[in-house]
């Protein structure tokens, strides 16, 4: 595949990834609302179809991350092969971790299982709490890998002047901030609105970069290693 075609695939995948991940997050959030285990499970039981859609969207999101890992590596490897490889591995790790919908499947099972196979109230409460926490932990881990990979690829695009400088700088700075914030959030040092605001620069970067790659592609790399 040529660099031009890789750029087009990457640009298209950026937009598809956003179009898949946002609905999955919204559907999952709505289906798991509630105060206390009984309320959460009752809400999940009323939204089983949406939760099953979330499983499919989650797997497709993982595939998008893997596609971006390969295509962005193809675009930037002539600028610095080692950094591009590290970026590819981070984005691939993001895709692999993010595609495991274990928590969603566990909640579906708990909400739809009756009779002798269903856990008692105490066991269900413990499982629901663990599954919701596991989902958050997996998200933060995948997000950290995403942030590292995004920083590296944005840096290589900037260094090679393959996209407009201002856009590359938004990607580098925004992704680097997320690299710092994600471990702090996972460790419990950061809470509240900051955990959401940190993604705004990255959203601007990717929403702009996607169409740019589709329409304009990338300039040839200025360096080769």
N, C-alpha and C. Protein backbone atom coordinates (compact mmCIF):
# COMPACT_ATOMS: atom_id res chain seq x y z
N UNK A 1 0.84 -1.19 0.00
CA UNK A 1 0.00 0.00 0.00
C UNK A 1 0.88 1.25 0.00
N UNK A 2 0.57 2.21 -0.86
CA UNK A 2 1.35 3.45 -0.93
C UNK A 2 1.07 4.32 0.30
N UNK A 3 1.97 5.31 0.54
CA UNK A 3 1.77 6.23 1.65
C UNK A 3 0.48 7.01 1.46
N UNK A 4 0.15 7.35 0.22
CA UNK A 4 -1.09 8.09 -0.06
C UNK A 4 -2.31 7.27 0.35
N UNK A 5 -2.31 6.00 -0.02
CA UNK A 5 -3.44 5.14 0.34
C UNK A 5 -3.48 4.89 1.85
N UNK A 6 -2.31 4.74 2.47
CA UNK A 6 -2.27 4.58 3.92
C UNK A 6 -2.85 5.80 4.62
N UNK A 7 -2.53 6.99 4.08
CA UNK A 7 -3.06 8.22 4.66
C UNK A 7 -4.58 8.27 4.53
N UNK A 8 -5.10 7.87 3.40
CA UNK A 8 -6.55 7.87 3.20
C UNK A 8 -7.24 6.88 4.15
N UNK A 9 -6.66 5.70 4.26
CA UNK A 9 -7.25 4.70 5.17
C UNK A 9 -7.20 5.20 6.61
N UNK A 10 -6.08 5.80 6.99
CA UNK A 10 -5.95 6.33 8.35
C UNK A 10 -6.97 7.44 8.60
N UNK A 11 -7.11 8.36 7.65
CA UNK A 11 -8.06 9.45 7.81
C UNK A 11 -9.48 8.94 7.95
N UNK A 12 -9.85 8.00 7.10
CA UNK A 12 -11.19 7.41 7.18
C UNK A 12 -11.38 6.68 8.50
N UNK A 13 -10.36 5.97 8.95
CA UNK A 13 -10.47 5.20 10.19
C UNK A 13 -10.58 6.11 11.41
N UNK A 14 -9.88 7.25 11.40
CA UNK A 14 -10.03 8.21 12.49
C UNK A 14 -11.50 8.58 12.67
N UNK A 15 -12.18 8.88 11.57
CA UNK A 15 -13.57 9.32 11.64
C UNK A 15 -14.49 8.17 12.04
N UNK A 16 -14.23 6.99 11.51
CA UNK A 16 -15.05 5.83 11.87
C UNK A 16 -14.88 5.49 13.35
N UNK A 17 -13.63 5.55 13.83
CA UNK A 17 -13.33 5.26 15.23
C UNK A 17 -14.14 6.18 16.15
N UNK A 18 -14.13 7.48 15.84
CA UNK A 18 -14.90 8.43 16.64
C UNK A 18 -16.39 8.13 16.54
N UNK A 19 -16.84 7.81 15.33
CA UNK A 19 -18.26 7.52 15.12
C UNK A 19 -18.72 6.25 15.80
N UNK A 20 -17.80 5.35 16.11
CA UNK A 20 -18.14 4.11 16.80
C UNK A 20 -17.99 4.25 18.31
N UNK A 21 -16.88 4.84 18.73
CA UNK A 21 -16.56 4.89 20.17
C UNK A 21 -17.54 5.77 20.95
N UNK A 22 -17.93 6.92 20.40
CA UNK A 22 -18.83 7.81 21.13
C UNK A 22 -20.20 7.18 21.38
N UNK A 23 -20.85 6.59 20.37
CA UNK A 23 -22.13 5.93 20.66
C UNK A 23 -21.99 4.78 21.65
N UNK A 24 -20.89 4.04 21.59
CA UNK A 24 -20.68 2.94 22.53
C UNK A 24 -20.60 3.47 23.96
N UNK A 25 -19.88 4.57 24.16
CA UNK A 25 -19.77 5.15 25.50
C UNK A 25 -21.11 5.66 25.99
N UNK A 26 -21.87 6.31 25.11
CA UNK A 26 -23.17 6.85 25.50
C UNK A 26 -24.15 5.74 25.86
N UNK A 27 -24.21 4.70 25.01
CA UNK A 27 -25.13 3.58 25.27
C UNK A 27 -24.77 2.86 26.56
N UNK A 28 -23.48 2.62 26.77
CA UNK A 28 -23.04 1.93 27.98
C UNK A 28 -23.34 2.75 29.22
N UNK A 29 -23.09 4.05 29.15
CA UNK A 29 -23.34 4.93 30.30
C UNK A 29 -24.82 4.95 30.67
N UNK A 30 -25.68 5.03 29.67
CA UNK A 30 -27.12 5.06 29.94
C UNK A 30 -27.61 3.74 30.51
N UNK A 31 -27.07 2.64 30.01
CA UNK A 31 -27.55 1.32 30.43
C UNK A 31 -27.06 0.94 31.82
N UNK A 32 -25.99 1.58 32.30
CA UNK A 32 -25.44 1.21 33.61
C UNK A 32 -25.73 2.28 34.66
N UNK A 33 -26.65 3.19 34.38
CA UNK A 33 -27.04 4.18 35.37
C UNK A 33 -27.81 3.52 36.50
N UNK A 34 -27.74 4.11 37.66
CA UNK A 34 -28.51 3.61 38.79
C UNK A 34 -27.74 3.74 40.08
N UNK A 35 -28.48 3.80 41.18
CA UNK A 35 -27.88 3.87 42.50
C UNK A 35 -28.06 2.52 43.19
N UNK A 36 -26.97 1.81 43.36
CA UNK A 36 -27.04 0.50 43.98
C UNK A 36 -27.15 -0.60 42.94
N UNK A 37 -26.71 -1.80 43.34
CA UNK A 37 -26.68 -2.93 42.42
C UNK A 37 -28.03 -3.29 41.82
N UNK A 38 -29.10 -3.39 42.62
CA UNK A 38 -30.40 -3.75 42.04
C UNK A 38 -30.85 -2.78 40.94
N UNK A 39 -30.62 -1.48 41.18
CA UNK A 39 -31.04 -0.49 40.19
C UNK A 39 -30.20 -0.60 38.91
N UNK A 40 -28.91 -0.83 39.07
CA UNK A 40 -28.03 -0.96 37.90
C UNK A 40 -28.41 -2.18 37.08
N UNK A 41 -28.59 -3.33 37.75
CA UNK A 41 -28.94 -4.55 37.03
C UNK A 41 -30.31 -4.43 36.37
N UNK A 42 -31.26 -3.78 37.05
CA UNK A 42 -32.58 -3.59 36.47
C UNK A 42 -32.49 -2.72 35.21
N UNK A 43 -31.64 -1.70 35.26
CA UNK A 43 -31.47 -0.83 34.10
C UNK A 43 -30.78 -1.57 32.95
N UNK A 44 -29.78 -2.38 33.29
CA UNK A 44 -29.12 -3.18 32.25
C UNK A 44 -30.10 -4.15 31.63
N UNK A 45 -30.95 -4.77 32.45
CA UNK A 45 -31.94 -5.73 31.94
C UNK A 45 -32.91 -5.07 30.97
N UNK A 46 -33.20 -3.78 31.19
CA UNK A 46 -34.10 -3.05 30.30
C UNK A 46 -33.40 -2.59 29.01
N UNK A 47 -32.07 -2.67 29.01
CA UNK A 47 -31.30 -2.20 27.85
C UNK A 47 -30.36 -3.29 27.32
N UNK A 48 -30.82 -4.53 27.34
CA UNK A 48 -29.96 -5.63 26.90
C UNK A 48 -29.57 -5.49 25.44
N UNK A 49 -30.49 -5.04 24.61
CA UNK A 49 -30.16 -4.88 23.18
C UNK A 49 -29.06 -3.84 23.00
N UNK A 50 -29.19 -2.71 23.71
CA UNK A 50 -28.16 -1.68 23.62
C UNK A 50 -26.82 -2.19 24.12
N UNK A 51 -26.83 -2.98 25.18
CA UNK A 51 -25.58 -3.51 25.72
C UNK A 51 -24.93 -4.49 24.74
N UNK A 52 -25.75 -5.25 24.04
CA UNK A 52 -25.20 -6.16 23.03
C UNK A 52 -24.63 -5.38 21.85
N UNK A 53 -25.27 -4.27 21.53
CA UNK A 53 -24.71 -3.38 20.49
C UNK A 53 -23.37 -2.83 20.94
N UNK A 54 -23.26 -2.50 22.23
CA UNK A 54 -22.00 -1.99 22.78
C UNK A 54 -20.88 -3.02 22.60
N UNK A 55 -21.19 -4.30 22.79
CA UNK A 55 -20.19 -5.35 22.60
C UNK A 55 -19.65 -5.32 21.18
N UNK A 56 -20.55 -5.20 20.21
CA UNK A 56 -20.13 -5.17 18.80
C UNK A 56 -19.32 -3.91 18.51
N UNK A 57 -19.81 -2.77 18.99
CA UNK A 57 -19.10 -1.51 18.76
C UNK A 57 -17.72 -1.52 19.41
N UNK A 58 -17.61 -2.14 20.58
CA UNK A 58 -16.33 -2.23 21.27
C UNK A 58 -15.32 -3.02 20.45
N UNK A 59 -15.75 -4.11 19.87
CA UNK A 59 -14.85 -4.92 19.05
C UNK A 59 -14.44 -4.18 17.78
N UNK A 60 -15.40 -3.46 17.19
CA UNK A 60 -15.08 -2.68 15.99
C UNK A 60 -14.11 -1.54 16.33
N UNK A 61 -14.26 -0.96 17.52
CA UNK A 61 -13.33 0.10 17.95
C UNK A 61 -11.91 -0.45 18.05
N UNK A 62 -11.79 -1.65 18.60
CA UNK A 62 -10.47 -2.27 18.68
C UNK A 62 -9.86 -2.49 17.31
N UNK A 63 -10.69 -2.89 16.35
CA UNK A 63 -10.20 -3.07 14.99
C UNK A 63 -9.74 -1.75 14.38
N UNK A 64 -10.46 -0.66 14.68
CA UNK A 64 -10.05 0.66 14.20
C UNK A 64 -8.69 1.04 14.75
N UNK A 65 -8.48 0.78 16.04
CA UNK A 65 -7.19 1.11 16.66
C UNK A 65 -6.06 0.32 16.00
N UNK A 66 -6.29 -0.94 15.70
CA UNK A 66 -5.27 -1.76 15.04
C UNK A 66 -4.99 -1.24 13.63
N UNK A 67 -6.03 -0.83 12.93
CA UNK A 67 -5.86 -0.28 11.59
C UNK A 67 -5.05 1.01 11.63
N UNK A 68 -5.33 1.87 12.60
CA UNK A 68 -4.55 3.10 12.74
C UNK A 68 -3.11 2.80 13.11
N UNK A 69 -2.90 1.78 13.93
CA UNK A 69 -1.53 1.42 14.30
C UNK A 69 -0.71 1.11 13.05
N UNK A 70 -1.28 0.32 12.14
CA UNK A 70 -0.55 -0.10 10.94
C UNK A 70 -0.39 1.05 9.95
N UNK A 71 -1.47 1.79 9.69
CA UNK A 71 -1.41 2.84 8.66
C UNK A 71 -0.55 4.02 9.11
N UNK A 72 -0.64 4.41 10.38
CA UNK A 72 0.19 5.51 10.85
C UNK A 72 1.67 5.12 10.88
N UNK A 73 1.93 3.85 11.17
CA UNK A 73 3.31 3.37 11.08
C UNK A 73 3.81 3.46 9.64
N UNK A 74 2.97 3.07 8.70
CA UNK A 74 3.37 3.12 7.29
C UNK A 74 3.66 4.55 6.85
N UNK A 75 2.92 5.51 7.39
CA UNK A 75 3.10 6.91 7.01
C UNK A 75 4.38 7.49 7.60
N UNK A 76 4.71 7.11 8.83
CA UNK A 76 5.78 7.80 9.58
C UNK A 76 7.08 7.00 9.70
N UNK A 77 7.12 5.78 9.24
CA UNK A 77 8.30 4.94 9.48
C UNK A 77 9.55 5.47 8.79
N UNK A 78 9.41 6.17 7.67
CA UNK A 78 10.58 6.71 7.00
C UNK A 78 11.17 7.91 7.73
N UNK A 79 10.41 8.49 8.64
CA UNK A 79 10.90 9.62 9.44
C UNK A 79 11.76 9.11 10.59
N UNK A 80 11.28 8.08 11.29
CA UNK A 80 12.05 7.45 12.37
C UNK A 80 11.41 6.09 12.64
N UNK A 81 12.07 5.04 12.19
CA UNK A 81 11.47 3.71 12.23
C UNK A 81 11.22 3.23 13.66
N UNK A 82 12.15 3.50 14.57
CA UNK A 82 12.01 3.01 15.94
C UNK A 82 10.85 3.70 16.66
N UNK A 83 10.76 5.02 16.55
CA UNK A 83 9.66 5.73 17.19
C UNK A 83 8.32 5.34 16.57
N UNK A 84 8.30 5.18 15.25
CA UNK A 84 7.07 4.75 14.59
C UNK A 84 6.65 3.35 15.05
N UNK A 85 7.63 2.48 15.25
CA UNK A 85 7.32 1.12 15.72
C UNK A 85 6.75 1.16 17.13
N UNK A 86 7.34 1.99 17.99
CA UNK A 86 6.82 2.11 19.35
C UNK A 86 5.41 2.67 19.33
N UNK A 87 5.16 3.67 18.48
CA UNK A 87 3.81 4.20 18.35
C UNK A 87 2.83 3.15 17.88
N UNK A 88 3.25 2.33 16.91
CA UNK A 88 2.39 1.26 16.41
C UNK A 88 2.07 0.25 17.50
N UNK A 89 3.07 -0.13 18.30
CA UNK A 89 2.83 -1.10 19.37
C UNK A 89 1.88 -0.54 20.42
N UNK A 90 2.01 0.75 20.73
CA UNK A 90 1.10 1.36 21.70
C UNK A 90 -0.33 1.39 21.18
N UNK A 91 -0.51 1.79 19.93
CA UNK A 91 -1.86 1.83 19.37
C UNK A 91 -2.44 0.42 19.20
N UNK A 92 -1.57 -0.55 18.90
CA UNK A 92 -2.03 -1.93 18.82
C UNK A 92 -2.45 -2.44 20.20
N UNK A 93 -1.65 -2.10 21.23
CA UNK A 93 -2.02 -2.49 22.59
C UNK A 93 -3.34 -1.87 23.00
N UNK A 94 -3.54 -0.62 22.63
CA UNK A 94 -4.81 0.05 22.89
C UNK A 94 -5.97 -0.73 22.26
N UNK A 95 -5.78 -1.15 21.00
CA UNK A 95 -6.83 -1.87 20.31
C UNK A 95 -7.13 -3.22 20.93
N UNK A 96 -6.08 -3.93 21.33
CA UNK A 96 -6.27 -5.27 21.90
C UNK A 96 -6.97 -5.17 23.25
N UNK A 97 -6.51 -4.26 24.11
CA UNK A 97 -7.14 -4.11 25.43
C UNK A 97 -8.57 -3.59 25.28
N UNK A 98 -8.75 -2.62 24.39
CA UNK A 98 -10.06 -2.01 24.24
C UNK A 98 -11.10 -2.90 23.60
N UNK A 99 -10.69 -3.94 22.88
CA UNK A 99 -11.66 -4.79 22.19
C UNK A 99 -12.26 -5.86 23.10
N UNK A 100 -11.70 -6.05 24.29
CA UNK A 100 -12.22 -7.05 25.22
C UNK A 100 -13.42 -6.48 25.98
N UNK A 101 -14.62 -6.88 25.59
CA UNK A 101 -15.84 -6.36 26.22
C UNK A 101 -16.26 -7.25 27.39
N UNK A 102 -15.29 -7.62 28.23
CA UNK A 102 -15.56 -8.56 29.32
C UNK A 102 -16.56 -7.98 30.32
N UNK A 103 -16.37 -6.73 30.70
CA UNK A 103 -17.25 -6.12 31.69
C UNK A 103 -18.68 -6.02 31.17
N UNK A 104 -18.84 -5.61 29.92
CA UNK A 104 -20.17 -5.50 29.33
C UNK A 104 -20.84 -6.86 29.26
N UNK A 105 -20.10 -7.86 28.82
CA UNK A 105 -20.66 -9.21 28.75
C UNK A 105 -21.02 -9.73 30.14
N UNK A 106 -20.19 -9.41 31.13
CA UNK A 106 -20.49 -9.83 32.50
C UNK A 106 -21.77 -9.21 33.02
N UNK A 107 -21.98 -7.92 32.75
CA UNK A 107 -23.21 -7.26 33.18
C UNK A 107 -24.43 -7.83 32.46
N UNK A 108 -24.28 -8.13 31.18
CA UNK A 108 -25.38 -8.76 30.44
C UNK A 108 -25.74 -10.10 31.07
N UNK A 109 -24.72 -10.88 31.41
CA UNK A 109 -24.97 -12.19 32.03
C UNK A 109 -25.68 -12.04 33.36
N UNK A 110 -25.21 -11.13 34.19
CA UNK A 110 -25.83 -10.94 35.51
C UNK A 110 -27.27 -10.48 35.38
N UNK A 111 -27.55 -9.60 34.41
CA UNK A 111 -28.89 -9.03 34.28
C UNK A 111 -29.87 -9.99 33.63
N UNK A 112 -29.37 -10.97 32.93
CA UNK A 112 -30.27 -11.87 32.18
C UNK A 112 -30.30 -13.29 32.70
N UNK A 113 -29.52 -13.59 33.76
CA UNK A 113 -29.47 -14.95 34.31
C UNK A 113 -30.45 -15.09 35.47
N UNK A 114 -31.24 -16.15 35.44
CA UNK A 114 -32.20 -16.40 36.50
C UNK A 114 -32.04 -17.83 37.03
N UNK A 115 -32.66 -18.07 38.14
CA UNK A 115 -32.68 -19.43 38.68
C UNK A 115 -31.41 -19.82 39.39
N UNK A 116 -31.08 -21.11 39.33
CA UNK A 116 -29.96 -21.65 40.09
C UNK A 116 -28.62 -21.11 39.64
N UNK A 117 -28.54 -20.66 38.38
CA UNK A 117 -27.26 -20.17 37.87
C UNK A 117 -26.96 -18.72 38.25
N UNK A 118 -27.93 -18.04 38.82
CA UNK A 118 -27.72 -16.64 39.16
C UNK A 118 -27.11 -16.51 40.55
N UNK A 119 -26.19 -15.55 40.75
CA UNK A 119 -25.58 -15.36 42.07
C UNK A 119 -26.57 -14.73 43.05
N UNK A 120 -26.30 -14.88 44.35
CA UNK A 120 -27.16 -14.23 45.34
C UNK A 120 -26.93 -12.73 45.32
N UNK A 121 -27.71 -12.00 46.12
CA UNK A 121 -27.65 -10.54 46.08
C UNK A 121 -26.26 -10.02 46.44
N UNK A 122 -25.64 -10.62 47.46
CA UNK A 122 -24.31 -10.17 47.87
C UNK A 122 -23.29 -10.43 46.77
N UNK A 123 -23.37 -11.63 46.19
CA UNK A 123 -22.44 -11.96 45.11
C UNK A 123 -22.63 -11.08 43.90
N UNK A 124 -23.90 -10.78 43.56
CA UNK A 124 -24.19 -9.92 42.42
C UNK A 124 -23.64 -8.51 42.65
N UNK A 125 -23.80 -8.01 43.88
CA UNK A 125 -23.30 -6.67 44.20
C UNK A 125 -21.79 -6.60 44.05
N UNK A 126 -21.12 -7.65 44.52
CA UNK A 126 -19.65 -7.68 44.41
C UNK A 126 -19.22 -7.72 42.95
N UNK A 127 -19.90 -8.56 42.16
CA UNK A 127 -19.54 -8.70 40.75
C UNK A 127 -19.80 -7.41 39.97
N UNK A 128 -20.93 -6.79 40.24
CA UNK A 128 -21.25 -5.54 39.53
C UNK A 128 -20.21 -4.48 39.85
N UNK A 129 -19.87 -4.34 41.12
CA UNK A 129 -18.87 -3.36 41.50
C UNK A 129 -17.53 -3.63 40.84
N UNK A 130 -17.13 -4.92 40.81
CA UNK A 130 -15.85 -5.26 40.19
C UNK A 130 -15.87 -5.01 38.69
N UNK A 131 -16.97 -5.40 38.02
CA UNK A 131 -17.04 -5.24 36.57
C UNK A 131 -17.00 -3.77 36.16
N UNK A 132 -17.70 -2.92 36.93
CA UNK A 132 -17.67 -1.50 36.61
C UNK A 132 -16.28 -0.90 36.83
N UNK A 133 -15.63 -1.33 37.92
CA UNK A 133 -14.26 -0.88 38.17
C UNK A 133 -13.31 -1.41 37.11
N UNK A 134 -13.47 -2.67 36.74
CA UNK A 134 -12.59 -3.26 35.73
C UNK A 134 -12.73 -2.52 34.41
N UNK A 135 -13.95 -2.15 34.07
CA UNK A 135 -14.18 -1.41 32.84
C UNK A 135 -13.42 -0.09 32.86
N UNK A 136 -13.45 0.60 34.00
CA UNK A 136 -12.74 1.87 34.13
C UNK A 136 -11.23 1.66 34.05
N UNK A 137 -10.72 0.61 34.73
CA UNK A 137 -9.29 0.34 34.71
C UNK A 137 -8.81 0.01 33.30
N UNK A 138 -9.58 -0.82 32.59
CA UNK A 138 -9.21 -1.17 31.22
C UNK A 138 -9.22 0.06 30.31
N UNK A 139 -10.23 0.90 30.52
CA UNK A 139 -10.32 2.13 29.72
C UNK A 139 -9.10 3.01 29.94
N UNK A 140 -8.73 3.22 31.21
CA UNK A 140 -7.58 4.08 31.51
C UNK A 140 -6.28 3.51 30.96
N UNK A 141 -6.12 2.19 31.04
CA UNK A 141 -4.92 1.55 30.51
C UNK A 141 -4.84 1.71 29.00
N UNK A 142 -5.95 1.42 28.31
CA UNK A 142 -5.99 1.59 26.86
C UNK A 142 -5.79 3.04 26.48
N UNK A 143 -6.38 3.96 27.27
CA UNK A 143 -6.24 5.38 26.98
C UNK A 143 -4.79 5.85 27.14
N UNK A 144 -4.09 5.29 28.11
CA UNK A 144 -2.68 5.64 28.29
C UNK A 144 -1.86 5.21 27.07
N UNK A 145 -2.07 3.98 26.62
CA UNK A 145 -1.36 3.49 25.44
C UNK A 145 -1.71 4.33 24.21
N UNK A 146 -3.00 4.67 24.10
CA UNK A 146 -3.42 5.54 23.00
C UNK A 146 -2.67 6.87 23.04
N UNK A 147 -2.58 7.46 24.24
CA UNK A 147 -1.94 8.77 24.39
C UNK A 147 -0.47 8.73 24.01
N UNK A 148 0.22 7.68 24.43
CA UNK A 148 1.64 7.55 24.08
C UNK A 148 1.79 7.40 22.57
N UNK A 149 0.99 6.51 21.98
CA UNK A 149 1.06 6.31 20.53
C UNK A 149 0.71 7.57 19.77
N UNK A 150 -0.33 8.27 20.22
CA UNK A 150 -0.74 9.50 19.56
C UNK A 150 0.35 10.57 19.64
N UNK A 151 1.00 10.67 20.80
CA UNK A 151 2.09 11.63 20.95
C UNK A 151 3.23 11.34 19.98
N UNK A 152 3.62 10.08 19.89
CA UNK A 152 4.72 9.70 19.01
C UNK A 152 4.38 9.96 17.54
N UNK A 153 3.21 9.57 17.11
CA UNK A 153 2.84 9.76 15.72
C UNK A 153 2.68 11.24 15.39
N UNK A 154 2.08 12.01 16.31
CA UNK A 154 1.95 13.45 16.07
C UNK A 154 3.33 14.11 15.99
N UNK A 155 4.25 13.67 16.84
CA UNK A 155 5.61 14.21 16.81
C UNK A 155 6.29 13.91 15.47
N UNK A 156 6.13 12.69 14.99
CA UNK A 156 6.75 12.33 13.72
C UNK A 156 6.13 13.09 12.56
N UNK A 157 4.81 13.29 12.60
CA UNK A 157 4.15 14.09 11.58
C UNK A 157 4.63 15.54 11.63
N UNK A 158 4.88 16.04 12.84
CA UNK A 158 5.40 17.40 13.01
C UNK A 158 6.84 17.49 12.52
N UNK A 159 7.68 16.56 12.96
CA UNK A 159 9.09 16.60 12.59
C UNK A 159 9.28 16.47 11.09
N UNK A 160 8.46 15.66 10.46
CA UNK A 160 8.57 15.49 9.01
C UNK A 160 7.78 16.51 8.21
N UNK A 161 7.10 17.43 8.91
CA UNK A 161 6.28 18.45 8.24
C UNK A 161 5.32 17.81 7.24
N UNK A 162 4.69 16.72 7.66
CA UNK A 162 3.79 15.99 6.79
C UNK A 162 2.38 16.55 6.79
N UNK A 163 2.04 17.29 7.86
CA UNK A 163 0.74 17.95 7.97
C UNK A 163 1.00 19.37 8.45
N UNK A 164 -0.01 20.25 8.43
CA UNK A 164 0.22 21.62 8.91
C UNK A 164 0.80 21.65 10.32
N UNK A 165 1.75 22.55 10.53
CA UNK A 165 2.45 22.58 11.80
C UNK A 165 1.54 22.80 13.00
N UNK A 166 0.57 23.72 12.87
CA UNK A 166 -0.32 24.01 14.00
C UNK A 166 -1.11 22.77 14.39
N UNK A 167 -1.54 21.99 13.39
CA UNK A 167 -2.32 20.79 13.67
C UNK A 167 -1.46 19.74 14.37
N UNK A 168 -0.24 19.58 13.89
CA UNK A 168 0.66 18.62 14.52
C UNK A 168 0.97 19.01 15.96
N UNK A 169 1.14 20.32 16.21
CA UNK A 169 1.42 20.78 17.57
C UNK A 169 0.24 20.52 18.50
N UNK A 170 -0.98 20.70 18.00
CA UNK A 170 -2.16 20.37 18.81
C UNK A 170 -2.13 18.89 19.20
N UNK A 171 -1.76 18.03 18.25
CA UNK A 171 -1.68 16.61 18.53
C UNK A 171 -0.60 16.27 19.53
N UNK A 172 0.57 16.87 19.38
CA UNK A 172 1.70 16.59 20.28
C UNK A 172 1.38 17.04 21.70
N UNK A 173 0.98 18.29 21.85
CA UNK A 173 0.73 18.85 23.18
C UNK A 173 -0.47 18.18 23.84
N UNK A 174 -1.57 18.05 23.09
CA UNK A 174 -2.76 17.44 23.66
C UNK A 174 -2.53 16.00 24.08
N UNK A 175 -1.84 15.23 23.25
CA UNK A 175 -1.57 13.83 23.57
C UNK A 175 -0.60 13.71 24.74
N UNK A 176 0.40 14.59 24.78
CA UNK A 176 1.38 14.55 25.88
C UNK A 176 0.72 14.85 27.22
N UNK A 177 -0.23 15.78 27.22
CA UNK A 177 -0.96 16.08 28.46
C UNK A 177 -1.71 14.84 28.93
N UNK A 178 -2.33 14.12 27.99
CA UNK A 178 -3.06 12.90 28.35
C UNK A 178 -2.12 11.81 28.86
N UNK A 179 -0.89 11.75 28.32
CA UNK A 179 0.09 10.78 28.82
C UNK A 179 0.37 11.01 30.29
N UNK A 180 0.44 12.27 30.70
CA UNK A 180 0.70 12.60 32.10
C UNK A 180 -0.55 12.36 32.95
N UNK A 181 -1.71 12.73 32.41
CA UNK A 181 -2.94 12.68 33.20
C UNK A 181 -3.45 11.26 33.44
N UNK A 182 -3.31 10.37 32.46
CA UNK A 182 -3.91 9.05 32.58
C UNK A 182 -3.37 8.22 33.75
N UNK A 183 -2.04 8.13 33.96
CA UNK A 183 -1.56 7.39 35.13
C UNK A 183 -2.03 8.02 36.44
N UNK A 184 -2.10 9.36 36.50
CA UNK A 184 -2.57 10.03 37.71
C UNK A 184 -4.04 9.71 37.97
N UNK A 185 -4.81 9.65 36.90
CA UNK A 185 -6.22 9.30 37.06
C UNK A 185 -6.39 7.85 37.50
N UNK A 186 -5.63 6.96 36.89
CA UNK A 186 -5.73 5.54 37.24
C UNK A 186 -5.30 5.30 38.68
N UNK A 187 -4.31 6.06 39.15
CA UNK A 187 -3.82 5.91 40.52
C UNK A 187 -4.71 6.62 41.54
N UNK A 188 -5.69 7.40 41.06
CA UNK A 188 -6.61 8.05 41.96
C UNK A 188 -6.23 9.45 42.39
N UNK A 189 -5.23 10.06 41.74
CA UNK A 189 -4.81 11.41 42.11
C UNK A 189 -5.60 12.51 41.40
N UNK A 190 -6.24 12.17 40.29
CA UNK A 190 -6.97 13.15 39.50
C UNK A 190 -8.43 12.70 39.38
N UNK A 191 -9.36 13.63 39.63
CA UNK A 191 -10.78 13.33 39.55
C UNK A 191 -11.51 14.49 38.88
N UNK A 192 -12.78 14.29 38.66
CA UNK A 192 -13.65 15.38 38.24
C UNK A 192 -13.56 15.76 36.78
N UNK A 193 -13.97 17.01 36.48
CA UNK A 193 -14.06 17.47 35.08
C UNK A 193 -12.75 17.41 34.31
N UNK A 194 -11.62 17.52 35.00
CA UNK A 194 -10.33 17.50 34.32
C UNK A 194 -10.14 16.23 33.51
N UNK A 195 -10.68 15.12 34.00
CA UNK A 195 -10.51 13.85 33.29
C UNK A 195 -11.23 13.85 31.94
N UNK A 196 -12.20 14.73 31.76
CA UNK A 196 -12.89 14.86 30.48
C UNK A 196 -12.29 15.97 29.63
N UNK A 197 -11.93 17.07 30.27
CA UNK A 197 -11.40 18.22 29.52
C UNK A 197 -10.08 17.89 28.83
N UNK A 198 -9.32 16.95 29.40
CA UNK A 198 -8.02 16.62 28.84
C UNK A 198 -8.13 16.08 27.41
N UNK A 199 -9.32 15.59 27.04
CA UNK A 199 -9.48 14.98 25.71
C UNK A 199 -9.88 16.00 24.63
N UNK A 200 -10.18 17.22 25.01
CA UNK A 200 -10.63 18.20 24.02
C UNK A 200 -9.58 18.49 22.94
N UNK A 201 -8.31 18.76 23.30
CA UNK A 201 -7.31 18.99 22.23
C UNK A 201 -7.14 17.79 21.31
N UNK A 202 -7.19 16.59 21.87
CA UNK A 202 -7.04 15.39 21.04
C UNK A 202 -8.23 15.24 20.10
N UNK A 203 -9.42 15.58 20.60
CA UNK A 203 -10.61 15.51 19.75
C UNK A 203 -10.48 16.48 18.57
N UNK A 204 -10.02 17.70 18.85
CA UNK A 204 -9.80 18.68 17.77
C UNK A 204 -8.77 18.16 16.77
N UNK A 205 -7.71 17.58 17.29
CA UNK A 205 -6.64 17.04 16.43
C UNK A 205 -7.18 15.95 15.50
N UNK A 206 -7.89 14.99 16.04
CA UNK A 206 -8.31 13.84 15.24
C UNK A 206 -9.46 14.19 14.30
N UNK A 207 -10.39 15.00 14.75
CA UNK A 207 -11.51 15.40 13.88
C UNK A 207 -11.01 16.21 12.69
N UNK A 208 -9.93 16.97 12.90
CA UNK A 208 -9.34 17.75 11.80
C UNK A 208 -8.40 16.91 10.95
N UNK A 209 -7.63 16.05 11.61
CA UNK A 209 -6.64 15.24 10.89
C UNK A 209 -7.30 14.24 9.96
N UNK A 210 -8.42 13.66 10.38
CA UNK A 210 -9.08 12.66 9.55
C UNK A 210 -9.40 13.17 8.15
N UNK A 211 -10.20 14.24 8.03
CA UNK A 211 -10.48 14.78 6.69
C UNK A 211 -9.23 15.25 5.95
N UNK A 212 -8.25 15.81 6.70
CA UNK A 212 -7.03 16.28 6.04
C UNK A 212 -6.31 15.12 5.36
N UNK A 213 -6.19 14.00 6.05
CA UNK A 213 -5.50 12.85 5.46
C UNK A 213 -6.24 12.30 4.26
N UNK A 214 -7.57 12.32 4.32
CA UNK A 214 -8.37 11.82 3.20
C UNK A 214 -8.20 12.72 1.98
N UNK A 215 -8.25 14.03 2.20
CA UNK A 215 -8.26 14.98 1.08
C UNK A 215 -6.85 15.33 0.62
N UNK A 216 -5.98 15.67 1.58
CA UNK A 216 -4.65 16.17 1.25
C UNK A 216 -3.56 15.11 1.32
N UNK A 217 -3.76 14.09 2.15
CA UNK A 217 -2.70 13.11 2.35
C UNK A 217 -1.59 13.68 3.22
N UNK A 218 -0.39 13.17 3.06
CA UNK A 218 0.76 13.65 3.82
C UNK A 218 1.89 14.00 2.87
N UNK A 219 2.68 15.00 3.29
CA UNK A 219 3.86 15.36 2.51
C UNK A 219 4.93 14.30 2.70
N UNK A 220 5.86 14.17 1.77
CA UNK A 220 6.95 13.22 1.93
C UNK A 220 7.77 13.55 3.18
N UNK A 221 8.30 12.54 3.88
CA UNK A 221 9.10 12.81 5.08
C UNK A 221 10.37 13.57 4.73
N UNK A 222 10.76 14.46 5.63
CA UNK A 222 11.99 15.25 5.41
C UNK A 222 13.23 14.51 5.87
N UNK A 223 13.05 13.53 6.76
CA UNK A 223 14.18 12.75 7.27
C UNK A 223 13.94 11.29 7.00
N UNK A 224 14.98 10.52 7.01
CA UNK A 224 14.86 9.08 6.85
C UNK A 224 15.92 8.41 7.71
N UNK A 225 15.49 7.41 8.55
CA UNK A 225 16.43 6.73 9.43
C UNK A 225 16.30 5.25 9.22
